[in-house]
Amino acid sequence: MPSISTRRPSTDSARINLRTSPEAKALIERAAALMGTTMSGFMLQSAYELASQVVAEQETLTLSDRDRDAFLAVLANPPKPTQALIDLLKLTA
């Protein structure tokens, strides 16, 4: 996954505010210190990486070899439309 710090710097910025428990804040501060970054930098990088992963998982369809082959076969030789499909298309036109 690309790091947000490797992207071209932007002069634009947006603010994100959040509240958390003292325990969560302390843990995040400790993790940031261990990574040698600021708490904001640590939180932004972590949230960005997870958000990228979630979006990719939701927007990507992975087929097995068998399903891919079946899909491509139908694309290559589509079935003739049924009367029900013809009637449906007439309704939406």
N, C-alpha and C. Protein backbone atom coordinates (compact mmCIF):
# COMPACT_ATOMS: atom_id res chain seq x y z
N MET A 1 0.83 -1.18 0.00
CA MET A 1 0.00 0.00 0.00
C MET A 1 0.87 1.24 0.00
N PRO A 2 0.52 2.24 -0.81
CA PRO A 2 1.35 3.44 -0.82
C PRO A 2 1.21 4.20 0.49
N SER A 3 2.30 4.74 0.91
CA SER A 3 2.30 5.55 2.12
C SER A 3 1.82 6.95 1.79
N ILE A 4 1.01 7.51 2.67
CA ILE A 4 0.53 8.86 2.39
C ILE A 4 1.67 9.86 2.43
N SER A 5 2.74 9.53 3.14
CA SER A 5 3.85 10.46 3.22
C SER A 5 4.65 10.50 1.93
N THR A 6 4.48 9.50 1.03
CA THR A 6 5.20 9.48 -0.23
C THR A 6 4.44 10.19 -1.33
N ARG A 7 3.21 10.57 -1.06
CA ARG A 7 2.44 11.31 -2.06
C ARG A 7 2.98 12.74 -2.14
N ARG A 8 2.68 13.40 -3.25
CA ARG A 8 3.09 14.78 -3.43
C ARG A 8 2.47 15.65 -2.34
N PRO A 9 3.26 16.49 -1.70
CA PRO A 9 2.70 17.34 -0.64
C PRO A 9 1.60 18.24 -1.19
N SER A 10 0.62 18.46 -0.39
CA SER A 10 -0.49 19.32 -0.77
C SER A 10 -0.56 20.49 0.19
N THR A 11 -0.94 21.62 -0.34
CA THR A 11 -1.11 22.78 0.54
C THR A 11 -2.48 22.75 1.20
N ASP A 12 -3.38 21.91 0.68
CA ASP A 12 -4.70 21.77 1.27
C ASP A 12 -4.63 20.84 2.47
N SER A 13 -5.50 21.05 3.42
CA SER A 13 -5.58 20.13 4.55
C SER A 13 -7.01 20.13 5.06
N ALA A 14 -7.34 19.06 5.73
CA ALA A 14 -8.66 18.93 6.35
C ALA A 14 -8.44 18.45 7.77
N ARG A 15 -9.28 18.88 8.65
CA ARG A 15 -9.12 18.55 10.07
C ARG A 15 -10.04 17.40 10.43
N ILE A 16 -9.53 16.49 11.26
CA ILE A 16 -10.32 15.40 11.82
C ILE A 16 -10.20 15.51 13.33
N ASN A 17 -11.32 15.59 14.01
CA ASN A 17 -11.34 15.65 15.47
C ASN A 17 -11.98 14.38 16.00
N LEU A 18 -11.43 13.87 17.09
CA LEU A 18 -12.06 12.71 17.72
C LEU A 18 -11.77 12.71 19.21
N ARG A 19 -12.62 12.02 19.92
CA ARG A 19 -12.45 11.88 21.36
C ARG A 19 -12.23 10.40 21.67
N THR A 20 -11.46 10.15 22.71
CA THR A 20 -11.16 8.76 23.08
C THR A 20 -10.93 8.68 24.58
N SER A 21 -10.78 7.48 25.04
CA SER A 21 -10.50 7.27 26.46
C SER A 21 -9.04 7.60 26.75
N PRO A 22 -8.73 7.92 28.00
CA PRO A 22 -7.32 8.18 28.35
C PRO A 22 -6.44 6.95 28.08
N GLU A 23 -6.98 5.76 28.27
CA GLU A 23 -6.21 4.54 28.03
C GLU A 23 -5.85 4.39 26.55
N ALA A 24 -6.83 4.64 25.68
CA ALA A 24 -6.59 4.53 24.24
C ALA A 24 -5.58 5.59 23.80
N LYS A 25 -5.70 6.79 24.32
CA LYS A 25 -4.77 7.86 23.98
C LYS A 25 -3.35 7.50 24.40
N ALA A 26 -3.21 6.97 25.60
CA ALA A 26 -1.88 6.60 26.09
C ALA A 26 -1.26 5.51 25.22
N LEU A 27 -2.06 4.54 24.82
CA LEU A 27 -1.55 3.46 23.98
C LEU A 27 -1.13 3.98 22.61
N ILE A 28 -1.93 4.86 22.04
CA ILE A 28 -1.60 5.45 20.74
C ILE A 28 -0.34 6.30 20.84
N GLU A 29 -0.22 7.08 21.91
CA GLU A 29 0.99 7.88 22.12
C GLU A 29 2.23 6.98 22.22
N ARG A 30 2.09 5.89 22.95
CA ARG A 30 3.21 4.96 23.12
C ARG A 30 3.60 4.33 21.78
N ALA A 31 2.61 3.89 21.02
CA ALA A 31 2.89 3.29 19.71
C ALA A 31 3.54 4.30 18.78
N ALA A 32 3.06 5.53 18.78
CA ALA A 32 3.64 6.57 17.93
C ALA A 32 5.10 6.81 18.31
N ALA A 33 5.38 6.88 19.60
CA ALA A 33 6.75 7.09 20.06
C ALA A 33 7.64 5.93 19.62
N LEU A 34 7.14 4.71 19.74
CA LEU A 34 7.92 3.55 19.31
C LEU A 34 8.20 3.56 17.82
N MET A 35 7.30 4.13 17.04
CA MET A 35 7.47 4.22 15.59
C MET A 35 8.26 5.47 15.19
N GLY A 36 8.56 6.33 16.16
CA GLY A 36 9.32 7.53 15.88
C GLY A 36 8.54 8.59 15.12
N THR A 37 7.27 8.68 15.40
CA THR A 37 6.43 9.66 14.72
C THR A 37 5.53 10.36 15.74
N THR A 38 4.79 11.32 15.27
CA THR A 38 3.86 12.01 16.15
C THR A 38 2.59 11.18 16.29
N MET A 39 1.82 11.51 17.29
CA MET A 39 0.55 10.82 17.48
C MET A 39 -0.36 11.07 16.29
N SER A 40 -0.42 12.29 15.80
CA SER A 40 -1.25 12.60 14.64
C SER A 40 -0.77 11.83 13.41
N GLY A 41 0.54 11.82 13.20
CA GLY A 41 1.09 11.09 12.06
C GLY A 41 0.81 9.60 12.13
N PHE A 42 0.96 9.04 13.33
CA PHE A 42 0.69 7.62 13.52
C PHE A 42 -0.77 7.30 13.25
N MET A 43 -1.67 8.12 13.80
CA MET A 43 -3.10 7.87 13.62
C MET A 43 -3.50 8.04 12.17
N LEU A 44 -2.99 9.07 11.51
CA LEU A 44 -3.34 9.31 10.12
C LEU A 44 -2.86 8.17 9.23
N GLN A 45 -1.62 7.75 9.39
CA GLN A 45 -1.07 6.67 8.57
C GLN A 45 -1.84 5.38 8.81
N SER A 46 -2.13 5.06 10.07
CA SER A 46 -2.86 3.82 10.39
C SER A 46 -4.27 3.85 9.81
N ALA A 47 -4.96 4.97 9.98
CA ALA A 47 -6.33 5.08 9.46
C ALA A 47 -6.34 5.04 7.94
N TYR A 48 -5.37 5.69 7.31
CA TYR A 48 -5.30 5.72 5.85
C TYR A 48 -5.07 4.32 5.29
N GLU A 49 -4.14 3.58 5.88
CA GLU A 49 -3.84 2.23 5.40
C GLU A 49 -5.06 1.31 5.55
N LEU A 50 -5.74 1.38 6.69
CA LEU A 50 -6.92 0.55 6.91
C LEU A 50 -8.05 0.97 5.98
N ALA A 51 -8.24 2.26 5.79
CA ALA A 51 -9.29 2.74 4.89
C ALA A 51 -9.03 2.28 3.46
N SER A 52 -7.78 2.34 3.02
CA SER A 52 -7.43 1.86 1.68
C SER A 52 -7.74 0.38 1.52
N GLN A 53 -7.44 -0.40 2.55
CA GLN A 53 -7.69 -1.84 2.52
C GLN A 53 -9.18 -2.12 2.48
N VAL A 54 -9.97 -1.45 3.29
CA VAL A 54 -11.42 -1.65 3.33
C VAL A 54 -12.04 -1.30 1.98
N VAL A 55 -11.66 -0.17 1.42
CA VAL A 55 -12.22 0.25 0.13
C VAL A 55 -11.84 -0.76 -0.96
N ALA A 56 -10.59 -1.19 -0.99
CA ALA A 56 -10.15 -2.16 -1.99
C ALA A 56 -10.92 -3.48 -1.87
N GLU A 57 -11.13 -3.94 -0.64
CA GLU A 57 -11.86 -5.19 -0.44
C GLU A 57 -13.31 -5.07 -0.90
N GLN A 58 -13.92 -3.91 -0.71
CA GLN A 58 -15.32 -3.72 -1.08
C GLN A 58 -15.49 -3.47 -2.57
N GLU A 59 -14.46 -2.98 -3.24
CA GLU A 59 -14.58 -2.63 -4.65
C GLU A 59 -13.96 -3.66 -5.59
N THR A 60 -13.44 -4.75 -5.04
CA THR A 60 -12.78 -5.77 -5.85
C THR A 60 -13.56 -7.07 -5.78
N LEU A 61 -13.82 -7.64 -6.94
CA LEU A 61 -14.50 -8.93 -7.03
C LEU A 61 -13.47 -9.96 -7.46
N THR A 62 -13.28 -10.98 -6.67
CA THR A 62 -12.31 -12.02 -6.97
C THR A 62 -13.06 -13.30 -7.30
N LEU A 63 -12.77 -13.84 -8.48
CA LEU A 63 -13.42 -15.07 -8.92
C LEU A 63 -12.43 -16.22 -8.90
N SER A 64 -12.94 -17.42 -8.66
CA SER A 64 -12.12 -18.60 -8.80
C SER A 64 -11.83 -18.79 -10.28
N ASP A 65 -10.88 -19.64 -10.62
CA ASP A 65 -10.58 -19.92 -12.03
C ASP A 65 -11.82 -20.44 -12.75
N ARG A 66 -12.55 -21.31 -12.10
CA ARG A 66 -13.75 -21.90 -12.70
C ARG A 66 -14.80 -20.82 -12.97
N ASP A 67 -15.04 -19.95 -11.98
CA ASP A 67 -16.03 -18.90 -12.15
C ASP A 67 -15.61 -17.88 -13.19
N ARG A 68 -14.31 -17.56 -13.22
CA ARG A 68 -13.79 -16.64 -14.24
C ARG A 68 -14.00 -17.20 -15.64
N ASP A 69 -13.69 -18.49 -15.80
CA ASP A 69 -13.87 -19.13 -17.10
C ASP A 69 -15.33 -19.14 -17.52
N ALA A 70 -16.22 -19.41 -16.58
CA ALA A 70 -17.66 -19.43 -16.88
C ALA A 70 -18.13 -18.02 -17.27
N PHE A 71 -17.66 -17.01 -16.56
CA PHE A 71 -18.03 -15.63 -16.86
C PHE A 71 -17.56 -15.24 -18.26
N LEU A 72 -16.30 -15.55 -18.57
CA LEU A 72 -15.76 -15.20 -19.89
C LEU A 72 -16.47 -15.97 -21.01
N ALA A 73 -16.87 -17.22 -20.74
CA ALA A 73 -17.59 -18.01 -21.74
C ALA A 73 -18.94 -17.38 -22.05
N VAL A 74 -19.63 -16.90 -21.04
CA VAL A 74 -20.93 -16.26 -21.26
C VAL A 74 -20.75 -14.94 -22.01
N LEU A 75 -19.67 -14.21 -21.71
CA LEU A 75 -19.41 -12.98 -22.46
C LEU A 75 -19.12 -13.27 -23.93
N ALA A 76 -18.39 -14.35 -24.17
CA ALA A 76 -18.04 -14.71 -25.55
C ALA A 76 -19.24 -15.22 -26.33
N ASN A 77 -20.16 -15.92 -25.66
CA ASN A 77 -21.34 -16.50 -26.30
C ASN A 77 -22.57 -16.20 -25.46
N PRO A 78 -23.04 -14.96 -25.48
CA PRO A 78 -24.18 -14.63 -24.62
C PRO A 78 -25.44 -15.37 -25.06
N PRO A 79 -26.27 -15.76 -24.08
CA PRO A 79 -27.52 -16.44 -24.44
C PRO A 79 -28.48 -15.46 -25.10
N LYS A 80 -29.40 -15.99 -25.88
CA LYS A 80 -30.42 -15.14 -26.50
C LYS A 80 -31.33 -14.60 -25.40
N PRO A 81 -31.77 -13.35 -25.54
CA PRO A 81 -32.65 -12.79 -24.51
C PRO A 81 -33.98 -13.53 -24.44
N THR A 82 -34.44 -13.70 -23.22
CA THR A 82 -35.75 -14.34 -23.02
C THR A 82 -36.84 -13.30 -23.27
N GLN A 83 -38.06 -13.77 -23.44
CA GLN A 83 -39.18 -12.85 -23.65
C GLN A 83 -39.35 -11.94 -22.43
N ALA A 84 -39.12 -12.48 -21.25
CA ALA A 84 -39.24 -11.68 -20.03
C ALA A 84 -38.24 -10.52 -20.05
N LEU A 85 -37.03 -10.77 -20.50
CA LEU A 85 -36.03 -9.71 -20.58
C LEU A 85 -36.42 -8.68 -21.64
N ILE A 86 -36.89 -9.15 -22.77
CA ILE A 86 -37.34 -8.23 -23.82
C ILE A 86 -38.46 -7.34 -23.31
N ASP A 87 -39.44 -7.93 -22.61
CA ASP A 87 -40.54 -7.16 -22.06
C ASP A 87 -40.05 -6.14 -21.02
N LEU A 88 -39.10 -6.55 -20.19
CA LEU A 88 -38.56 -5.65 -19.18
C LEU A 88 -37.86 -4.46 -19.81
N LEU A 89 -37.09 -4.70 -20.85
CA LEU A 89 -36.39 -3.62 -21.51
C LEU A 89 -37.35 -2.66 -22.19
N LYS A 90 -38.48 -3.16 -22.67
CA LYS A 90 -39.49 -2.29 -23.26
C LYS A 90 -40.09 -1.37 -22.21
N LEU A 91 -40.21 -1.85 -20.99
CA LEU A 91 -40.79 -1.05 -19.90
C LEU A 91 -39.87 0.10 -19.49
N THR A 92 -38.57 -0.13 -19.52
CA THR A 92 -37.63 0.87 -19.04
C THR A 92 -37.19 1.83 -20.13
N ALA A 93 -37.55 1.57 -21.37
CA ALA A 93 -37.13 2.44 -22.49
C ALA A 93 -38.01 3.66 -22.59
